[in-house]
Amino acid sequence: MITMFQKKRIVFFVLICFIPHVLSWGFVGHQITAAIGQRFLSPDVYQKVLELLPKEAHGNLSYIAAWADQIKHKAEYRFTSPMHYTNPTPLIDNPPSHCGFDWNAGKVDLITAIHNYSNRLDPNSDLSFWPRAEALRFLVHFIGDLHMPLHLTGRAKGGNGLRAIFEGHSTSVHAIWDSSIIYKRIREFNENATFDPNFTEDGSRFNSSDPLSGGPFYDLYLDYIINLMLTTWRKELTHWTFCNVDFKLSPDLPLSSPDQLYFSSTNESSDHFSLLMNQKISFSTACPEYWAVAINRLNCQVTLNGYDPKLDLSIGEYYDRIVNEKVIEKLLAISGIRIAAVLNTILREKKDSSK
């Protein structure tokens, strides 16, 4: 006799097995970066974010993180399609042989979109509620897109034209990095997990009111990344907000930068946020054109390094390096920190300079 508890456990793991083939980074990957970002928001900024979230979000920034993917095929939003990626000049960027990033401020792309929606979210923009709420949705999503390396190269349409094998399935390199690797990592963390009886039959929680709860599929993985940020990568967190910084995969390598985004707060109740406090102010809210340089380089170092269309990339040296160097986890963590950095900068209380 199978108990209800056992039925829920079976449903949960069946869903986990099928997820990689039906969803994309645009779903869970973006939700994870938003959940990380929310944990590093200052308390006052979180309240302002809360005002821009729909009621059904229950205070979760992750709820709107994939919205930009969900609406981009609608007629009124088709103009946003080029905003999800940017293509450097092929002459300087042809991974894996050579990687390079350049940007033309006059074109509609991912970099321009981040700057545009940063400005539209600003309370001083004088925009009404919906344009600013819409800007929050786009901004959180596009900062996430920036940290998927294949969104920063035009080679084979960002890897969409490169056929590959992953877990025995025919796919593309882009799909592997958009979804397959991250879902494989989530499954690996959930395989030995104790099943939570608070999951409903469809895999969702009975109680979804906790604004810091990621969701049934990735809670353990999210906790693992947060733990890395508070331990192994603790000294790197503020460095990730620098402009013109070349971040490393190895945690013990030094980082330096002349510019840093503003973080400050008179309320230290958030332990996560207090890790990022400093007094240096940057003139720009976001600097995606600088951040993109190091991320683009990963296409030569990792993404297409060792790519072979005849090999199953879910096993062997290719996948092992991604896991051992925590490449996906670090990209998600850096993206989350930068989401927090930008939102804390845009939405913080501005001091009256006339006093």
Protein backbone atom coordinates (compact mmCIF):
# COMPACT_ATOMS: atom_id res chain seq x y z
CA MET A 1 0.00 0.00 0.00
CA ILE A 2 1.55 3.27 -1.11
CA THR A 3 1.01 6.07 1.38
CA MET A 4 0.23 9.68 0.42
CA PHE A 5 3.72 10.61 1.63
CA GLN A 6 5.28 8.08 -0.77
CA LYS A 7 3.06 9.29 -3.63
CA LYS A 8 4.24 12.84 -3.09
CA ARG A 9 7.83 11.69 -3.06
CA ILE A 10 7.36 9.84 -6.37
CA VAL A 11 5.64 12.84 -7.99
CA PHE A 12 8.43 15.13 -6.80
CA PHE A 13 11.25 13.06 -8.28
CA VAL A 14 9.36 12.40 -11.54
CA LEU A 15 9.01 16.16 -11.96
CA ILE A 16 12.71 16.63 -11.21
CA CYS A 17 13.62 14.12 -13.92
CA PHE A 18 11.50 15.80 -16.59
CA ILE A 19 12.29 19.43 -15.82
CA PRO A 20 15.55 19.73 -17.81
CA HIS A 21 13.74 19.03 -21.05
CA VAL A 22 10.73 21.31 -20.63
CA LEU A 23 12.03 24.43 -18.91
CA SER A 24 14.96 26.80 -19.37
CA TRP A 25 17.42 28.97 -17.45
CA GLY A 26 14.70 31.57 -17.98
CA PHE A 27 12.71 29.74 -15.31
CA VAL A 28 14.79 28.43 -12.43
CA GLY A 29 18.15 30.01 -13.26
CA HIS A 30 16.58 33.47 -13.22
CA GLN A 31 14.60 32.64 -10.10
CA ILE A 32 17.76 31.60 -8.28
CA THR A 33 19.64 34.79 -9.18
CA ALA A 34 16.67 36.87 -8.05
CA ALA A 35 16.36 34.92 -4.78
CA ILE A 36 20.06 35.49 -4.11
CA GLY A 37 19.72 39.17 -4.95
CA GLN A 38 16.78 39.56 -2.59
CA ARG A 39 18.81 38.22 0.33
CA PHE A 40 21.34 41.01 -0.16
CA LEU A 41 18.90 43.91 -0.48
CA SER A 42 18.92 46.50 2.26
CA PRO A 43 15.73 46.43 4.37
CA ASP A 44 14.51 49.81 3.09
CA VAL A 45 15.18 48.90 -0.54
CA TYR A 46 13.35 45.59 -0.13
CA GLN A 47 10.28 47.54 0.99
CA LYS A 48 10.45 49.61 -2.20
CA VAL A 49 10.84 46.48 -4.30
CA LEU A 50 7.84 45.00 -2.49
CA GLU A 51 5.72 47.95 -3.63
CA LEU A 52 6.52 47.12 -7.27
CA LEU A 53 5.82 43.38 -7.04
CA PRO A 54 2.38 41.90 -7.79
CA LYS A 55 0.42 40.57 -4.81
CA GLU A 56 0.69 37.01 -6.09
CA ALA A 57 4.48 37.22 -5.73
CA HIS A 58 4.08 37.01 -1.92
CA GLY A 59 7.15 39.22 -1.53
CA ASN A 60 9.36 37.05 -3.75
CA LEU A 61 11.50 38.89 -6.29
CA SER A 62 12.03 35.52 -7.97
CA TYR A 63 8.36 35.49 -9.00
CA ILE A 64 8.95 38.11 -11.72
CA ALA A 65 12.47 37.02 -12.71
CA ALA A 66 11.41 35.02 -15.79
CA TRP A 67 8.65 37.40 -16.90
CA ALA A 68 10.75 38.94 -19.69
CA ASP A 69 11.08 35.53 -21.35
CA GLN A 70 7.39 34.78 -20.96
CA ILE A 71 6.23 37.93 -22.79
CA LYS A 72 8.89 38.49 -25.45
CA HIS A 73 6.89 36.68 -28.15
CA LYS A 74 3.78 38.80 -27.60
CA ALA A 75 3.21 41.40 -30.30
CA GLU A 76 3.55 44.34 -27.94
CA TYR A 77 6.87 43.07 -26.57
CA ARG A 78 8.58 41.67 -29.66
CA PHE A 79 10.82 44.74 -29.69
CA THR A 80 12.52 43.33 -26.57
CA SER A 81 13.82 40.14 -28.23
CA PRO A 82 17.26 41.62 -29.13
CA MET A 83 17.62 42.78 -25.51
CA HIS A 84 18.34 39.27 -24.23
CA TYR A 85 21.80 39.04 -25.82
CA THR A 86 24.60 41.01 -27.45
CA ASN A 87 26.94 40.01 -30.26
CA PRO A 88 30.54 41.25 -30.22
CA THR A 89 32.29 41.85 -33.54
CA PRO A 90 33.12 38.41 -35.05
CA LEU A 91 36.62 39.60 -35.90
CA ILE A 92 37.50 39.83 -32.20
CA ASP A 93 35.17 37.14 -30.85
CA ASN A 94 35.17 33.59 -32.22
CA PRO A 95 35.28 31.14 -29.31
CA PRO A 96 36.98 28.92 -28.43
CA SER A 97 39.93 30.17 -30.52
CA HIS A 98 39.67 33.75 -29.27
CA CYS A 99 37.23 35.74 -27.15
CA GLY A 100 36.75 39.47 -27.04
CA PHE A 101 33.98 41.87 -26.17
CA ASP A 102 33.10 45.21 -27.72
CA TRP A 103 29.91 47.21 -27.52
CA ASN A 104 28.20 49.82 -29.67
CA ALA A 105 26.05 52.07 -27.51
CA GLY A 106 23.84 52.84 -30.49
CA LYS A 107 22.29 49.39 -30.90
CA VAL A 108 19.45 47.69 -29.05
CA ASP A 109 20.95 44.81 -27.09
CA LEU A 110 21.43 43.38 -23.61
CA ILE A 111 23.89 46.05 -22.48
CA THR A 112 21.74 48.96 -23.63
CA ALA A 113 18.67 47.36 -22.07
CA ILE A 114 20.28 47.12 -18.63
CA HIS A 115 21.19 50.81 -18.75
CA ASN A 116 17.75 51.76 -20.07
CA TYR A 117 15.73 49.90 -17.46
CA SER A 118 18.06 51.02 -14.67
CA ASN A 119 17.15 54.58 -15.58
CA ARG A 120 13.44 53.80 -15.89
CA LEU A 121 13.36 52.14 -12.46
CA ASP A 122 14.88 55.19 -10.78
CA PRO A 123 12.29 56.99 -8.60
CA ASN A 124 13.56 60.25 -10.10
CA SER A 125 12.46 59.13 -13.56
CA ASP A 126 8.96 60.50 -12.82
CA LEU A 127 7.42 57.43 -14.45
CA SER A 128 4.15 56.03 -13.16
CA PHE A 129 3.78 52.74 -11.28
CA TRP A 130 3.56 50.24 -14.15
CA PRO A 131 6.53 51.49 -16.23
CA ARG A 132 8.69 51.27 -13.10
CA ALA A 133 7.30 47.84 -12.11
CA GLU A 134 7.93 46.71 -15.68
CA ALA A 135 11.47 48.10 -15.51
CA LEU A 136 12.13 46.06 -12.35
CA ARG A 137 11.06 42.88 -14.16
CA PHE A 138 13.23 43.58 -17.18
CA LEU A 139 16.24 44.68 -15.14
CA VAL A 140 16.31 41.62 -12.87
CA HIS A 141 15.98 39.35 -15.90
CA PHE A 142 18.55 41.06 -18.08
CA ILE A 143 21.21 41.10 -15.36
CA GLY A 144 20.62 37.35 -15.15
CA ASP A 145 20.99 36.98 -18.93
CA LEU A 146 24.28 38.88 -18.78
CA HIS A 147 25.78 36.09 -16.67
CA MET A 148 25.04 33.30 -19.14
CA PRO A 149 28.25 33.43 -21.25
CA LEU A 150 26.59 32.35 -24.51
CA HIS A 151 24.33 35.42 -24.38
CA LEU A 152 27.53 37.40 -24.98
CA THR A 153 28.75 35.86 -28.23
CA GLY A 154 27.38 35.68 -31.75
CA ARG A 155 29.20 32.42 -32.51
CA ALA A 156 26.62 30.03 -33.99
CA LYS A 157 23.84 32.27 -32.64
CA GLY A 158 25.12 32.05 -29.10
CA GLY A 159 25.69 28.32 -29.31
CA ASN A 160 22.16 27.57 -30.53
CA GLY A 161 23.64 26.28 -33.79
CA LEU A 162 26.13 23.96 -32.11
CA ARG A 163 24.64 20.49 -31.70
CA ALA A 164 25.58 18.56 -28.58
CA ILE A 165 24.69 15.56 -26.45
CA PHE A 166 23.74 15.85 -22.78
CA GLU A 167 22.52 12.93 -20.67
CA GLY A 168 21.98 10.97 -23.87
CA HIS A 169 19.72 13.61 -25.45
CA SER A 170 20.44 15.57 -28.63
CA THR A 171 20.42 19.28 -27.82
CA SER A 172 22.49 22.44 -28.35
CA VAL A 173 25.35 23.94 -26.38
CA HIS A 174 23.13 26.94 -25.64
CA ALA A 175 20.41 24.71 -24.18
CA ILE A 176 22.99 22.88 -22.08
CA TRP A 177 24.10 26.13 -20.47
CA ASP A 178 20.62 27.63 -20.33
CA SER A 179 19.03 24.67 -18.59
CA SER A 180 20.57 21.19 -18.70
CA ILE A 181 23.56 21.75 -16.42
CA ILE A 182 21.67 23.69 -13.80
CA TYR A 183 18.88 21.10 -13.62
CA LYS A 184 21.38 18.28 -13.42
CA ARG A 185 23.02 20.09 -10.50
CA ILE A 186 19.63 20.55 -8.81
CA ARG A 187 18.85 16.85 -9.22
CA GLU A 188 22.23 15.93 -7.76
CA PHE A 189 21.44 17.98 -4.66
CA ASN A 190 17.94 16.54 -4.33
CA GLU A 191 18.72 12.86 -4.88
CA ASN A 192 19.60 12.25 -1.24
CA ALA A 193 17.30 14.90 0.20
CA THR A 194 14.63 14.13 2.78
CA PHE A 195 11.27 14.70 1.12
CA ASP A 196 9.28 17.64 2.50
CA PRO A 197 5.68 16.57 3.25
CA ASN A 198 4.61 20.21 2.76
CA PHE A 199 4.85 19.73 -1.02
CA THR A 200 1.51 19.46 -2.79
CA GLU A 201 0.78 16.91 -5.50
CA ASP A 202 1.97 19.33 -8.21
CA GLY A 203 5.29 19.89 -6.45
CA SER A 204 4.52 23.32 -4.99
CA ARG A 205 4.49 24.30 -1.33
CA PHE A 206 1.33 24.53 0.76
CA ASN A 207 2.80 27.64 2.39
CA SER A 208 4.36 30.00 -0.13
CA SER A 209 4.28 33.11 2.05
CA ASP A 210 7.97 33.01 2.97
CA PRO A 211 9.62 35.68 0.75
CA LEU A 212 13.02 33.98 1.02
CA SER A 213 11.81 30.52 0.03
CA GLY A 214 12.99 29.65 -3.45
CA GLY A 215 10.79 26.68 -4.24
CA PRO A 216 10.71 22.90 -3.99
CA PHE A 217 13.04 22.18 -6.88
CA TYR A 218 15.99 24.38 -6.01
CA ASP A 219 15.88 25.23 -2.30
CA LEU A 220 18.79 22.93 -1.42
CA TYR A 221 20.83 24.15 -4.36
CA LEU A 222 20.09 27.78 -3.47
CA ASP A 223 21.15 27.15 0.13
CA TYR A 224 24.38 25.59 -1.13
CA ILE A 225 25.19 28.68 -3.22
CA ILE A 226 24.35 31.05 -0.36
CA ASN A 227 26.62 29.03 1.93
CA LEU A 228 29.48 29.34 -0.57
CA MET A 229 28.91 33.09 -0.66
CA LEU A 230 29.04 33.38 3.12
CA THR A 231 32.12 31.17 3.48
CA THR A 232 34.35 30.34 0.50
CA TRP A 233 33.52 33.49 -1.48
CA ARG A 234 32.83 35.82 1.45
CA LYS A 235 35.82 38.10 0.79
CA GLU A 236 34.93 38.36 -2.90
CA LEU A 237 31.35 39.60 -2.60
CA THR A 238 31.96 43.33 -2.79
CA HIS A 239 34.56 42.82 -5.52
CA TRP A 240 31.85 41.37 -7.74
CA THR A 241 30.12 44.76 -7.80
CA PHE A 242 33.22 46.53 -9.11
CA CYS A 243 33.30 47.84 -12.64
CA ASN A 244 36.15 46.75 -14.91
CA VAL A 245 36.93 43.70 -12.77
CA ASP A 246 38.28 40.38 -14.02
CA PHE A 247 36.77 37.84 -11.61
CA LYS A 248 38.47 34.48 -11.24
CA LEU A 249 37.04 31.04 -10.69
CA SER A 250 39.61 30.34 -7.96
CA PRO A 251 38.65 32.08 -4.69
CA ASP A 252 42.20 32.87 -3.54
CA LEU A 253 43.23 35.05 -6.47
CA PRO A 254 43.37 38.82 -5.79
CA LEU A 255 40.92 41.21 -7.41
CA SER A 256 41.20 44.96 -7.82
CA SER A 257 39.14 47.75 -9.34
CA PRO A 258 38.98 51.55 -9.33
CA ASP A 259 35.19 51.68 -9.25
CA GLN A 260 32.57 50.15 -7.02
CA LEU A 261 28.83 50.43 -6.77
CA TYR A 262 27.38 52.16 -3.74
CA PHE A 263 26.30 50.13 -0.75
CA SER A 264 25.26 51.78 2.49
CA SER A 265 22.65 51.38 5.18
CA THR A 266 21.84 52.66 8.65
CA ASN A 267 20.00 49.41 9.38
CA GLU A 268 22.27 46.41 9.91
CA SER A 269 19.50 43.95 10.71
CA SER A 270 20.24 41.99 7.53
CA ASP A 271 23.40 39.95 8.10
CA HIS A 272 23.73 39.25 4.38
CA PHE A 273 23.40 42.91 3.42
CA SER A 274 25.89 44.04 6.07
CA LEU A 275 28.62 42.00 4.36
CA LEU A 276 28.46 44.43 1.44
CA MET A 277 28.56 47.75 3.28
CA ASN A 278 31.12 50.32 2.17
CA GLN A 279 31.35 54.04 1.60
CA LYS A 280 32.53 54.35 -2.01
CA ILE A 281 30.16 55.75 -4.61
CA SER A 282 30.27 55.06 -8.33
CA PHE A 283 28.92 57.55 -10.84
CA SER A 284 27.02 54.86 -12.71
CA THR A 285 24.36 52.51 -11.38
CA ALA A 286 25.38 49.52 -13.48
CA CYS A 287 28.34 48.75 -15.70
CA PRO A 288 27.31 45.72 -17.78
CA GLU A 289 29.73 46.60 -20.58
CA TYR A 290 32.58 46.02 -18.11
CA TRP A 291 31.07 42.97 -16.44
CA ALA A 292 30.54 41.36 -19.86
CA VAL A 293 34.26 41.22 -20.63
CA ALA A 294 35.11 38.51 -18.09
CA ILE A 295 31.88 36.59 -18.69
CA ASN A 296 32.46 36.56 -22.45
CA ARG A 297 35.94 35.14 -21.85
CA LEU A 298 34.38 32.06 -20.25
CA ASN A 299 33.28 30.97 -23.72
CA CYS A 300 36.94 30.29 -24.50
CA GLN A 301 37.89 29.06 -21.02
CA VAL A 302 34.94 26.78 -20.26
CA THR A 303 31.77 26.92 -22.35
CA LEU A 304 33.26 25.88 -25.70
CA ASN A 305 36.58 24.61 -24.37
CA GLY A 306 36.44 20.85 -24.84
CA TYR A 307 33.16 20.95 -26.74
CA ASP A 308 32.77 17.93 -29.01
CA PRO A 309 29.43 17.22 -30.72
CA LYS A 310 30.12 13.48 -30.52
CA LEU A 311 30.71 13.40 -26.75
CA ASP A 312 28.10 13.36 -24.00
CA LEU A 313 28.93 16.59 -22.15
CA SER A 314 27.13 15.48 -18.97
CA ILE A 315 30.00 13.15 -18.08
CA GLY A 316 33.76 13.27 -18.21
CA GLU A 317 36.23 16.13 -18.20
CA TYR A 318 33.89 18.81 -19.59
CA TYR A 319 31.22 18.44 -16.92
CA ASP A 320 33.67 17.61 -14.13
CA ARG A 321 35.49 20.90 -14.60
CA ILE A 322 32.24 22.86 -14.42
CA VAL A 323 31.34 21.11 -11.16
CA ASN A 324 34.79 21.16 -9.57
CA GLU A 325 35.35 24.85 -10.30
CA LYS A 326 31.73 25.67 -9.36
CA VAL A 327 31.32 27.64 -12.58
CA ILE A 328 27.50 27.64 -12.68
CA GLU A 329 27.20 28.33 -8.96
CA LYS A 330 29.58 31.28 -9.16
CA LEU A 331 27.82 32.80 -12.16
CA LEU A 332 24.48 32.56 -10.35
CA ALA A 333 26.01 34.05 -7.20
CA ILE A 334 27.68 36.94 -9.02
CA SER A 335 24.49 37.69 -10.92
CA GLY A 336 22.51 37.77 -7.67
CA ILE A 337 24.98 40.09 -5.97
CA ARG A 338 24.91 42.46 -8.93
CA ILE A 339 21.11 42.48 -8.95
CA ALA A 340 21.26 43.52 -5.29
CA ALA A 341 23.96 46.10 -6.01
CA VAL A 342 21.99 47.78 -8.76
CA LEU A 343 18.69 47.77 -6.87
CA ASN A 344 20.31 49.01 -3.65
CA THR A 345 21.89 51.84 -5.63
CA ILE A 346 18.82 52.88 -7.61
CA LEU A 347 16.26 52.60 -4.82
CA ARG A 348 18.22 53.72 -1.77
CA GLU A 349 17.15 56.86 0.06
CA LYS A 350 18.98 59.77 -1.55
CA LYS A 351 20.48 62.28 0.85
CA ASP A 352 19.48 65.88 0.21
CA SER A 353 22.72 67.48 -0.98
CA SER A 354 21.28 70.98 -0.49
CA LYS A 355 21.33 70.64 3.30
